[in-house]
């Protein structure tokens, strides 16, 4: 029957539209998660870089201390 075929076609079109919208929503959600993970990892990297810089400065200060004490005895 032609009417049954038209009805089935409309159902398929509706399912296709739903699947397309669902796919778009999932892709958007994944994009947001990736962006959030990148921001989190970037913050971690910056924190580690600051720790490294502080460690280098502390080592530099520690290396200068004996020289300062030695200069007092000159």
PDB file of N, CA and C in Angstrom:
ATOM      1  N   UNK A   1       0.837  -1.177   0.000  1.00  0.00           N
ATOM      2  CA  UNK A   1       0.000   0.000   0.000  1.00  0.00           C
ATOM      3  C   UNK A   1       0.882   1.240   0.000  1.00  0.00           C
ATOM      4  N   UNK A   2       0.459   2.206  -0.772  1.00  0.00           N
ATOM      5  CA  UNK A   2       1.204   3.446  -0.914  1.00  0.00           C
ATOM      6  C   UNK A   2       1.192   4.271   0.368  1.00  0.00           C
ATOM      7  N   UNK A   3       0.075   4.266   1.083  1.00  0.00           N
ATOM      8  CA  UNK A   3      -0.012   5.044   2.330  1.00  0.00           C
ATOM      9  C   UNK A   3       0.925   4.478   3.394  1.00  0.00           C
ATOM     10  N   UNK A   4       1.054   3.158   3.449  1.00  0.00           N
ATOM     11  CA  UNK A   4       1.975   2.540   4.406  1.00  0.00           C
ATOM     12  C   UNK A   4       3.422   2.901   4.081  1.00  0.00           C
ATOM     13  N   UNK A   5       3.716   2.945   2.789  1.00  0.00           N
ATOM     14  CA  UNK A   5       5.066   3.298   2.358  1.00  0.00           C
ATOM     15  C   UNK A   5       5.392   4.744   2.739  1.00  0.00           C
ATOM     16  N   UNK A   6       4.439   5.646   2.558  1.00  0.00           N
ATOM     17  CA  UNK A   6       4.630   7.059   2.932  1.00  0.00           C
ATOM     18  C   UNK A   6       4.820   7.208   4.432  1.00  0.00           C
ATOM     19  N   UNK A   7       4.036   6.461   5.195  1.00  0.00           N
ATOM     20  CA  UNK A   7       4.149   6.499   6.655  1.00  0.00           C
ATOM     21  C   UNK A   7       5.511   5.988   7.109  1.00  0.00           C
ATOM     22  N   UNK A   8       5.957   4.904   6.518  1.00  0.00           N
ATOM     23  CA  UNK A   8       7.260   4.339   6.869  1.00  0.00           C
ATOM     24  C   UNK A   8       8.382   5.309   6.494  1.00  0.00           C
ATOM     25  N   UNK A   9       8.213   5.977   5.367  1.00  0.00           N
ATOM     26  CA  UNK A   9       9.219   6.946   4.923  1.00  0.00           C
ATOM     27  C   UNK A   9       9.327   8.111   5.913  1.00  0.00           C
ATOM     28  N   UNK A  10       8.188   8.595   6.409  1.00  0.00           N
ATOM     29  CA  UNK A  10       8.197   9.688   7.392  1.00  0.00           C
ATOM     30  C   UNK A  10       8.849   9.245   8.699  1.00  0.00           C
ATOM     31  N   UNK A  11       8.592   8.006   9.107  1.00  0.00           N
ATOM     32  CA  UNK A  11       9.212   7.488  10.328  1.00  0.00           C
ATOM     33  C   UNK A  11      10.730   7.394  10.172  1.00  0.00           C
ATOM     34  N   UNK A  12      11.149   6.935   8.998  1.00  0.00           N
ATOM     35  CA  UNK A  12      12.591   6.830   8.735  1.00  0.00           C
ATOM     36  C   UNK A  12      13.222   8.219   8.727  1.00  0.00           C
ATOM     37  N   UNK A  13      12.546   9.193   8.122  1.00  0.00           N
ATOM     38  CA  UNK A  13      13.062  10.565   8.105  1.00  0.00           C
ATOM     39  C   UNK A  13      13.171  11.124   9.523  1.00  0.00           C
ATOM     40  N   UNK A  14      12.166  10.853  10.348  1.00  0.00           N
ATOM     41  CA  UNK A  14      12.191  11.332  11.732  1.00  0.00           C
ATOM     42  C   UNK A  14      13.333  10.683  12.507  1.00  0.00           C
ATOM     43  N   UNK A  15      13.521   9.379  12.318  1.00  0.00           N
ATOM     44  CA  UNK A  15      14.619   8.672  12.994  1.00  0.00           C
ATOM     45  C   UNK A  15      15.972   9.201  12.530  1.00  0.00           C
ATOM     46  N   UNK A  16      16.079   9.484  11.243  1.00  0.00           N
ATOM     47  CA  UNK A  16      17.323  10.016  10.692  1.00  0.00           C
ATOM     48  C   UNK A  16      17.627  11.392  11.283  1.00  0.00           C
ATOM     49  N   UNK A  17      16.616  12.237  11.375  1.00  0.00           N
ATOM     50  CA  UNK A  17      16.802  13.570  11.962  1.00  0.00           C
ATOM     51  C   UNK A  17      17.201  13.454  13.429  1.00  0.00           C
ATOM     52  N   UNK A  18      16.555  12.546  14.152  1.00  0.00           N
ATOM     53  CA  UNK A  18      16.887  12.333  15.564  1.00  0.00           C
ATOM     54  C   UNK A  18      18.327  11.858  15.714  1.00  0.00           C
ATOM     55  N   UNK A  19      18.736  10.903  14.885  1.00  0.00           N
ATOM     56  CA  UNK A  19      20.099  10.373  14.957  1.00  0.00           C
ATOM     57  C   UNK A  19      21.119  11.464  14.639  1.00  0.00           C
ATOM     58  N   UNK A  20      20.794  12.313  13.692  1.00  0.00           N
ATOM     59  CA  UNK A  20      21.691  13.410  13.331  1.00  0.00           C
ATOM     60  C   UNK A  20      21.843  14.399  14.485  1.00  0.00           C
ATOM     61  N   UNK A  21      20.724  14.761  15.119  1.00  0.00           N
ATOM     62  CA  UNK A  21      20.776  15.678  16.264  1.00  0.00           C
ATOM     63  C   UNK A  21      21.528  15.046  17.430  1.00  0.00           C
ATOM     64  N   UNK A  22      21.304  13.776  17.658  1.00  0.00           N
ATOM     65  CA  UNK A  22      21.996  13.066  18.732  1.00  0.00           C
ATOM     66  C   UNK A  22      23.502  13.033  18.472  1.00  0.00           C
ATOM     67  N   UNK A  23      23.872  12.773  17.243  1.00  0.00           N
ATOM     68  CA  UNK A  23      25.290  12.754  16.870  1.00  0.00           C
ATOM     69  C   UNK A  23      25.928  14.126  17.091  1.00  0.00           C
ATOM     70  N   UNK A  24      25.229  15.184  16.701  1.00  0.00           N
ATOM     71  CA  UNK A  24      25.741  16.544  16.911  1.00  0.00           C
ATOM     72  C   UNK A  24      25.918  16.840  18.400  1.00  0.00           C
ATOM     73  N   UNK A  25      24.953  16.424  19.212  1.00  0.00           N
ATOM     74  CA  UNK A  25      25.037  16.657  20.653  1.00  0.00           C
ATOM     75  C   UNK A  25      26.207  15.897  21.265  1.00  0.00           C
ATOM     76  N   UNK A  26      26.413  14.670  20.836  1.00  0.00           N
ATOM     77  CA  UNK A  26      27.527  13.863  21.356  1.00  0.00           C
ATOM     78  C   UNK A  26      28.861  14.486  20.961  1.00  0.00           C
ATOM     79  N   UNK A  27      28.975  14.909  19.703  1.00  0.00           N
ATOM     80  CA  UNK A  27      30.218  15.543  19.246  1.00  0.00           C
ATOM     81  C   UNK A  27      30.493  16.820  20.032  1.00  0.00           C
ATOM     82  N   UNK A  28      29.445  17.600  20.288  1.00  0.00           N
ATOM     83  CA  UNK A  28      29.610  18.819  21.085  1.00  0.00           C
ATOM     84  C   UNK A  28      30.058  18.507  22.496  1.00  0.00           C
ATOM     85  N   UNK A  29      29.474  17.484  23.086  1.00  0.00           N
ATOM     86  CA  UNK A  29      29.864  17.077  24.439  1.00  0.00           C
ATOM     87  C   UNK A  29      31.295  16.597  24.499  1.00  0.00           C
ATOM     88  N   UNK A  30      31.704  15.824  23.508  1.00  0.00           N
ATOM     89  CA  UNK A  30      33.090  15.341  23.459  1.00  0.00           C
ATOM     90  C   UNK A  30      34.041  16.520  23.296  1.00  0.00           C
ATOM     91  N   UNK A  31      33.661  17.476  22.457  1.00  0.00           N
ATOM     92  CA  UNK A  31      34.490  18.671  22.273  1.00  0.00           C
ATOM     93  C   UNK A  31      34.674  19.430  23.571  1.00  0.00           C
ATOM     94  N   UNK A  32      33.597  19.552  24.348  1.00  0.00           N
ATOM     95  CA  UNK A  32      33.690  20.242  25.638  1.00  0.00           C
ATOM     96  C   UNK A  32      34.598  19.489  26.598  1.00  0.00           C
ATOM     97  N   UNK A  33      34.513  18.161  26.603  1.00  0.00           N
ATOM     98  CA  UNK A  33      35.376  17.364  27.480  1.00  0.00           C
ATOM     99  C   UNK A  33      36.838  17.511  27.091  1.00  0.00           C
ATOM    100  N   UNK A  34      37.109  17.495  25.804  1.00  0.00           N
ATOM    101  CA  UNK A  34      38.491  17.650  25.337  1.00  0.00           C
ATOM    102  C   UNK A  34      39.017  19.021  25.729  1.00  0.00           C
ATOM    103  N   UNK A  35      38.196  20.064  25.543  1.00  0.00           N
ATOM    104  CA  UNK A  35      38.614  21.415  25.922  1.00  0.00           C
ATOM    105  C   UNK A  35      38.893  21.492  27.414  1.00  0.00           C
ATOM    106  N   UNK A  36      38.037  20.872  28.221  1.00  0.00           N
ATOM    107  CA  UNK A  36      38.232  20.895  29.671  1.00  0.00           C
ATOM    108  C   UNK A  36      39.507  20.160  30.050  1.00  0.00           C
ATOM    109  N   UNK A  37      39.765  19.007  29.421  1.00  0.00           N
ATOM    110  CA  UNK A  37      40.980  18.247  29.712  1.00  0.00           C
ATOM    111  C   UNK A  37      42.222  19.034  29.314  1.00  0.00           C
ATOM    112  N   UNK A  38      42.160  19.731  28.177  1.00  0.00           N
ATOM    113  CA  UNK A  38      43.307  20.522  27.737  1.00  0.00           C
ATOM    114  C   UNK A  38      43.584  21.654  28.714  1.00  0.00           C
ATOM    115  N   UNK A  39      42.537  22.306  29.198  1.00  0.00           N
ATOM    116  CA  UNK A  39      42.718  23.387  30.160  1.00  0.00           C
ATOM    117  C   UNK A  39      43.316  22.851  31.458  1.00  0.00           C
ATOM    118  N   UNK A  40      42.841  21.703  31.896  1.00  0.00           N
ATOM    119  CA  UNK A  40      43.350  21.094  33.130  1.00  0.00           C
ATOM    120  C   UNK A  40      44.817  20.720  32.980  1.00  0.00           C
ATOM    121  N   UNK A  41      45.160  20.101  31.865  1.00  0.00           N
ATOM    122  CA  UNK A  41      46.548  19.687  31.638  1.00  0.00           C
ATOM    123  C   UNK A  41      47.462  20.897  31.467  1.00  0.00           C
ATOM    124  N   UNK A  42      46.955  21.945  30.869  1.00  0.00           N
ATOM    125  CA  UNK A  42      47.736  23.173  30.719  1.00  0.00           C
ATOM    126  C   UNK A  42      48.036  23.780  32.085  1.00  0.00           C
ATOM    127  N   UNK A  43      47.050  23.777  32.968  1.00  0.00           N
ATOM    128  CA  UNK A  43      47.263  24.290  34.324  1.00  0.00           C
ATOM    129  C   UNK A  43      48.283  23.438  35.071  1.00  0.00           C
ATOM    130  N   UNK A  44      48.216  22.120  34.906  1.00  0.00           N
ATOM    131  CA  UNK A  44      49.197  21.234  35.544  1.00  0.00           C
ATOM    132  C   UNK A  44      50.605  21.526  35.034  1.00  0.00           C
ATOM    133  N   UNK A  45      50.724  21.713  33.719  1.00  0.00           N
ATOM    134  CA  UNK A  45      52.031  22.002  33.122  1.00  0.00           C
ATOM    135  C   UNK A  45      52.593  23.309  33.666  1.00  0.00           C
ATOM    136  N   UNK A  46      51.767  24.331  33.761  1.00  0.00           N
ATOM    137  CA  UNK A  46      52.229  25.613  34.290  1.00  0.00           C
ATOM    138  C   UNK A  46      52.671  25.473  35.740  1.00  0.00           C
ATOM    139  N   UNK A  47      51.936  24.709  36.528  1.00  0.00           N
ATOM    140  CA  UNK A  47      52.313  24.498  37.929  1.00  0.00           C
ATOM    141  C   UNK A  47      53.656  23.784  38.021  1.00  0.00           C
ATOM    142  N   UNK A  48      53.861  22.779  37.188  1.00  0.00           N
ATOM    143  CA  UNK A  48      55.141  22.062  37.197  1.00  0.00           C
ATOM    144  C   UNK A  48      56.289  22.959  36.746  1.00  0.00           C
ATOM    145  N   UNK A  49      56.029  23.828  35.786  1.00  0.00           N
ATOM    146  CA  UNK A  49      57.069  24.750  35.326  1.00  0.00           C
ATOM    147  C   UNK A  49      57.453  25.733  36.432  1.00  0.00           C
ATOM    148  N   UNK A  50      56.470  26.212  37.173  1.00  0.00           N
ATOM    149  CA  UNK A  50      56.755  27.116  38.295  1.00  0.00           C
ATOM    150  C   UNK A  50      57.570  26.391  39.355  1.00  0.00           C
ATOM    151  N   UNK A  51      57.201  25.154  39.663  1.00  0.00           N
ATOM    152  CA  UNK A  51      57.965  24.371  40.643  1.00  0.00           C
ATOM    153  C   UNK A  51      59.408  24.192  40.181  1.00  0.00           C
ATOM    154  N   UNK A  52      59.582  23.931  38.900  1.00  0.00           N
ATOM    155  CA  UNK A  52      60.925  23.749  38.356  1.00  0.00           C
ATOM    156  C   UNK A  52      61.728  25.042  38.487  1.00  0.00           C
ATOM    157  N   UNK A  53      61.123  26.167  38.158  1.00  0.00           N
ATOM    158  CA  UNK A  53      61.814  27.451  38.264  1.00  0.00           C
ATOM    159  C   UNK A  53      62.190  27.751  39.712  1.00  0.00           C
ATOM    160  N   UNK A  54      61.284  27.459  40.635  1.00  0.00           N
ATOM    161  CA  UNK A  54      61.586  27.675  42.056  1.00  0.00           C
ATOM    162  C   UNK A  54      62.722  26.769  42.517  1.00  0.00           C
ATOM    163  N   UNK A  55      62.745  25.547  42.031  1.00  0.00           N
ATOM    164  CA  UNK A  55      63.826  24.624  42.374  1.00  0.00           C
ATOM    165  C   UNK A  55      65.167  25.121  41.872  1.00  0.00           C
ATOM    166  N   UNK A  56      65.195  25.639  40.651  1.00  0.00           N
ATOM    167  CA  UNK A  56      66.437  26.179  40.084  1.00  0.00           C
ATOM    168  C   UNK A  56      66.900  27.384  40.897  1.00  0.00           C
ATOM    169  N   UNK A  57      65.981  28.253  41.271  1.00  0.00           N
ATOM    170  CA  UNK A  57      66.342  29.423  42.075  1.00  0.00           C
ATOM    171  C   UNK A  57      66.849  29.007  43.451  1.00  0.00           C
ATOM    172  N   UNK A  58      66.204  28.030  44.061  1.00  0.00           N
ATOM    173  CA  UNK A  58      66.648  27.552  45.374  1.00  0.00           C
ATOM    174  C   UNK A  58      68.042  26.952  45.277  1.00  0.00           C
ATOM    175  N   UNK A  59      68.313  26.215  44.233  1.00  0.00           N
ATOM    176  CA  UNK A  59      69.636  25.630  44.034  1.00  0.00           C
ATOM    177  C   UNK A  59      70.681  26.719  43.829  1.00  0.00           C
ATOM    178  N   UNK A  60      70.333  27.737  43.091  1.00  0.00           N
ATOM    179  CA  UNK A  60      71.244  28.857  42.869  1.00  0.00           C
ATOM    180  C   UNK A  60      71.568  29.560  44.183  1.00  0.00           C
ATOM    181  N   UNK A  61      70.562  29.779  45.005  1.00  0.00           N
ATOM    182  CA  UNK A  61      70.773  30.415  46.316  1.00  0.00           C
ATOM    183  C   UNK A  61      71.635  29.525  47.195  1.00  0.00           C
ATOM    184  N   UNK A  62      71.363  28.238  47.183  1.00  0.00           N
ATOM    185  CA  UNK A  62      72.141  27.303  48.004  1.00  0.00           C
ATOM    186  C   UNK A  62      73.598  27.264  47.549  1.00  0.00           C
ATOM    187  N   UNK A  63      73.839  27.381  46.262  1.00  0.00           N
ATOM    188  CA  UNK A  63      75.212  27.377  45.746  1.00  0.00           C
ATOM    189  C   UNK A  63      75.946  28.674  46.074  1.00  0.00           C
ATOM    190  N   UNK A  64      75.233  29.767  46.237  1.00  0.00           N
ATOM    191  CA  UNK A  64      75.854  31.050  46.557  1.00  0.00           C
ATOM    192  C   UNK A  64      76.189  31.167  48.039  1.00  0.00           C
ATOM    193  N   UNK A  65      75.482  30.459  48.883  1.00  0.00           N
ATOM    194  CA  UNK A  65      75.675  30.578  50.335  1.00  0.00           C
ATOM    195  C   UNK A  65      77.109  30.270  50.759  1.00  0.00           C
ATOM    196  N   UNK A  66      77.738  29.188  50.322  1.00  0.00           N
ATOM    197  CA  UNK A  66      79.125  28.931  50.740  1.00  0.00           C
ATOM    198  C   UNK A  66      80.079  30.031  50.272  1.00  0.00           C
ATOM    199  N   UNK A  67      79.841  30.571  49.095  1.00  0.00           N
ATOM    200  CA  UNK A  67      80.694  31.645  48.595  1.00  0.00           C
ATOM    201  C   UNK A  67      80.559  32.888  49.467  1.00  0.00           C
ATOM    202  N   UNK A  68      79.352  33.160  49.935  1.00  0.00           N
ATOM    203  CA  UNK A  68      79.124  34.318  50.796  1.00  0.00           C
ATOM    204  C   UNK A  68      79.841  34.139  52.123  1.00  0.00           C
ATOM    205  N   UNK A  69      79.757  32.970  52.697  1.00  0.00           N
ATOM    206  CA  UNK A  69      80.435  32.692  53.972  1.00  0.00           C
ATOM    207  C   UNK A  69      81.945  32.797  53.787  1.00  0.00           C
ATOM    208  N   UNK A  70      82.465  32.268  52.701  1.00  0.00           N
ATOM    209  CA  UNK A  70      83.904  32.327  52.423  1.00  0.00           C
ATOM    210  C   UNK A  70      84.363  33.774  52.268  1.00  0.00           C
ATOM    211  N   UNK A  71      83.547  34.598  51.632  1.00  0.00           N
ATOM    212  CA  UNK A  71      83.938  35.998  51.434  1.00  0.00           C
ATOM    213  C   UNK A  71      83.991  36.755  52.753  1.00  0.00           C
ATOM    214  N   UNK A  72      83.285  36.316  53.774  1.00  0.00           N
ATOM    215  CA  UNK A  72      83.331  36.974  55.085  1.00  0.00           C
ATOM    216  C   UNK A  72      84.684  36.784  55.759  1.00  0.00           C
ATOM    217  N   UNK A  73      85.379  35.692  55.446  1.00  0.00           N
ATOM    218  CA  UNK A  73      86.663  35.405  56.074  1.00  0.00           C
ATOM    219  C   UNK A  73      87.829  36.036  55.323  1.00  0.00           C
ATOM    220  N   UNK A  74      87.589  36.711  54.245  1.00  0.00           N
ATOM    221  CA  UNK A  74      88.675  37.317  53.473  1.00  0.00           C
ATOM    222  C   UNK A  74      89.036  38.655  54.011  1.00  0.00           C
TER     223      UNK A  74
END
